[in-house]
Amino acid sequence: MHRPPTDIETNNPEIQEVIHQKLLDAQIPGFKAQFEPQEAEMLGAFIEDALNEKDALESAIDILEADHENT
């Protein structure tokens, strides 16, 4: 099960150095850097930033209104 990293993990200079090196490696064309789930989470890979249902519906209504005005 997925869990947030602890302060000991996030403040660990060795872990931070490994992540830094992997990020540098990821910039090499064709290289497939692999991150552990904990490392990816520390980089923000699992932060949910999608629209919620209400905002998505409101944006769809805006599009429908714009289409109606253009016809």
C-alpha atoms as a PDB file:
ATOM      1  CA  MET A   1       0.000   0.000   0.000  1.00  0.00           C
ATOM      2  CA  HIS A   2       1.215   3.467  -0.827  1.00  0.00           C
ATOM      3  CA  ARG A   3       2.238   5.750   2.045  1.00  0.00           C
ATOM      4  CA  PRO A   4       3.654   9.269   2.232  1.00  0.00           C
ATOM      5  CA  PRO A   5       7.397   9.533   2.892  1.00  0.00           C
ATOM      6  CA  THR A   6       8.473  10.303   6.429  1.00  0.00           C
ATOM      7  CA  ASP A   7      10.572  13.327   7.406  1.00  0.00           C
ATOM      8  CA  ILE A   8      13.569  11.034   7.877  1.00  0.00           C
ATOM      9  CA  GLU A   9      13.232   9.896   4.267  1.00  0.00           C
ATOM     10  CA  THR A  10      12.611  13.306   2.722  1.00  0.00           C
ATOM     11  CA  ASN A  11      15.433  14.992   4.647  1.00  0.00           C
ATOM     12  CA  ASN A  12      17.935  12.199   3.967  1.00  0.00           C
ATOM     13  CA  PRO A  13      20.801  13.672   1.862  1.00  0.00           C
ATOM     14  CA  GLU A  14      21.644  10.243   0.421  1.00  0.00           C
ATOM     15  CA  ILE A  15      18.106   9.736  -0.899  1.00  0.00           C
ATOM     16  CA  GLN A  16      18.044  13.291  -2.230  1.00  0.00           C
ATOM     17  CA  GLU A  17      21.350  12.678  -4.054  1.00  0.00           C
ATOM     18  CA  VAL A  18      20.028   9.473  -5.631  1.00  0.00           C
ATOM     19  CA  ILE A  19      16.935  11.314  -6.827  1.00  0.00           C
ATOM     20  CA  HIS A  20      19.062  14.163  -8.182  1.00  0.00           C
ATOM     21  CA  GLN A  21      21.207  11.710 -10.161  1.00  0.00           C
ATOM     22  CA  LYS A  22      18.121   9.949 -11.533  1.00  0.00           C
ATOM     23  CA  LEU A  23      16.698  13.291 -12.661  1.00  0.00           C
ATOM     24  CA  LEU A  24      19.952  14.052 -14.471  1.00  0.00           C
ATOM     25  CA  ASP A  25      19.890  10.594 -16.075  1.00  0.00           C
ATOM     26  CA  ALA A  26      16.270  11.137 -17.150  1.00  0.00           C
ATOM     27  CA  GLN A  27      17.425  14.058 -19.305  1.00  0.00           C
ATOM     28  CA  ILE A  28      19.571  11.762 -21.472  1.00  0.00           C
ATOM     29  CA  PRO A  29      17.672  10.997 -24.697  1.00  0.00           C
ATOM     30  CA  GLY A  30      16.660   7.338 -24.829  1.00  0.00           C
ATOM     31  CA  PHE A  31      17.571   6.639 -21.207  1.00  0.00           C
ATOM     32  CA  LYS A  32      14.707   5.252 -19.133  1.00  0.00           C
ATOM     33  CA  ALA A  33      15.268   6.347 -15.560  1.00  0.00           C
ATOM     34  CA  GLN A  34      13.362   4.225 -13.076  1.00  0.00           C
ATOM     35  CA  PHE A  35      12.100   5.718  -9.843  1.00  0.00           C
ATOM     36  CA  GLU A  36      10.958   3.839  -6.776  1.00  0.00           C
ATOM     37  CA  PRO A  37       7.397   4.744  -5.699  1.00  0.00           C
ATOM     38  CA  GLN A  38       8.757   6.657  -2.688  1.00  0.00           C
ATOM     39  CA  GLU A  39      11.105   8.676  -4.928  1.00  0.00           C
ATOM     40  CA  ALA A  40       8.341   9.458  -7.400  1.00  0.00           C
ATOM     41  CA  GLU A  41       6.063  10.599  -4.592  1.00  0.00           C
ATOM     42  CA  MET A  42       8.790  12.862  -3.202  1.00  0.00           C
ATOM     43  CA  LEU A  43       8.972  14.464  -6.663  1.00  0.00           C
ATOM     44  CA  GLY A  44       5.223  15.063  -6.698  1.00  0.00           C
ATOM     45  CA  ALA A  45       4.302  12.346  -9.179  1.00  0.00           C
ATOM     46  CA  PHE A  46       1.238  11.288  -7.204  1.00  0.00           C
ATOM     47  CA  ILE A  47      -0.184  14.710  -6.403  1.00  0.00           C
ATOM     48  CA  GLU A  48      -3.766  14.843  -7.623  1.00  0.00           C
ATOM     49  CA  ASP A  49      -4.313  18.073  -9.503  1.00  0.00           C
ATOM     50  CA  ALA A  50      -7.132  17.112 -11.834  1.00  0.00           C
ATOM     51  CA  LEU A  51     -10.375  19.049 -12.001  1.00  0.00           C
ATOM     52  CA  ASN A  52     -13.045  17.938  -9.611  1.00  0.00           C
ATOM     53  CA  GLU A  53     -16.388  16.868 -11.067  1.00  0.00           C
ATOM     54  CA  LYS A  54     -18.089  20.211 -10.376  1.00  0.00           C
ATOM     55  CA  ASP A  55     -15.360  22.234 -12.117  1.00  0.00           C
ATOM     56  CA  ALA A  56     -15.332  19.849 -15.073  1.00  0.00           C
ATOM     57  CA  LEU A  57     -19.097  20.214 -15.528  1.00  0.00           C
ATOM     58  CA  GLU A  58     -18.866  23.999 -15.284  1.00  0.00           C
ATOM     59  CA  SER A  59     -16.151  24.115 -17.947  1.00  0.00           C
ATOM     60  CA  ALA A  60     -18.255  21.920 -20.248  1.00  0.00           C
ATOM     61  CA  ILE A  61     -21.166  24.343 -19.840  1.00  0.00           C
ATOM     62  CA  ASP A  62     -18.879  27.227 -20.844  1.00  0.00           C
ATOM     63  CA  ILE A  63     -17.959  25.382 -24.046  1.00  0.00           C
ATOM     64  CA  LEU A  64     -21.583  24.626 -24.840  1.00  0.00           C
ATOM     65  CA  GLU A  65     -22.527  28.286 -24.313  1.00  0.00           C
ATOM     66  CA  ALA A  66     -19.680  29.445 -26.582  1.00  0.00           C
ATOM     67  CA  ASP A  67     -20.737  26.985 -29.302  1.00  0.00           C
ATOM     68  CA  HIS A  68     -24.354  28.202 -29.037  1.00  0.00           C
ATOM     69  CA  GLU A  69     -23.272  31.846 -29.353  1.00  0.00           C
ATOM     70  CA  ASN A  70     -21.255  31.100 -32.514  1.00  0.00           C
ATOM     71  CA  THR A  71     -24.191  29.482 -34.355  1.00  0.00           C
END
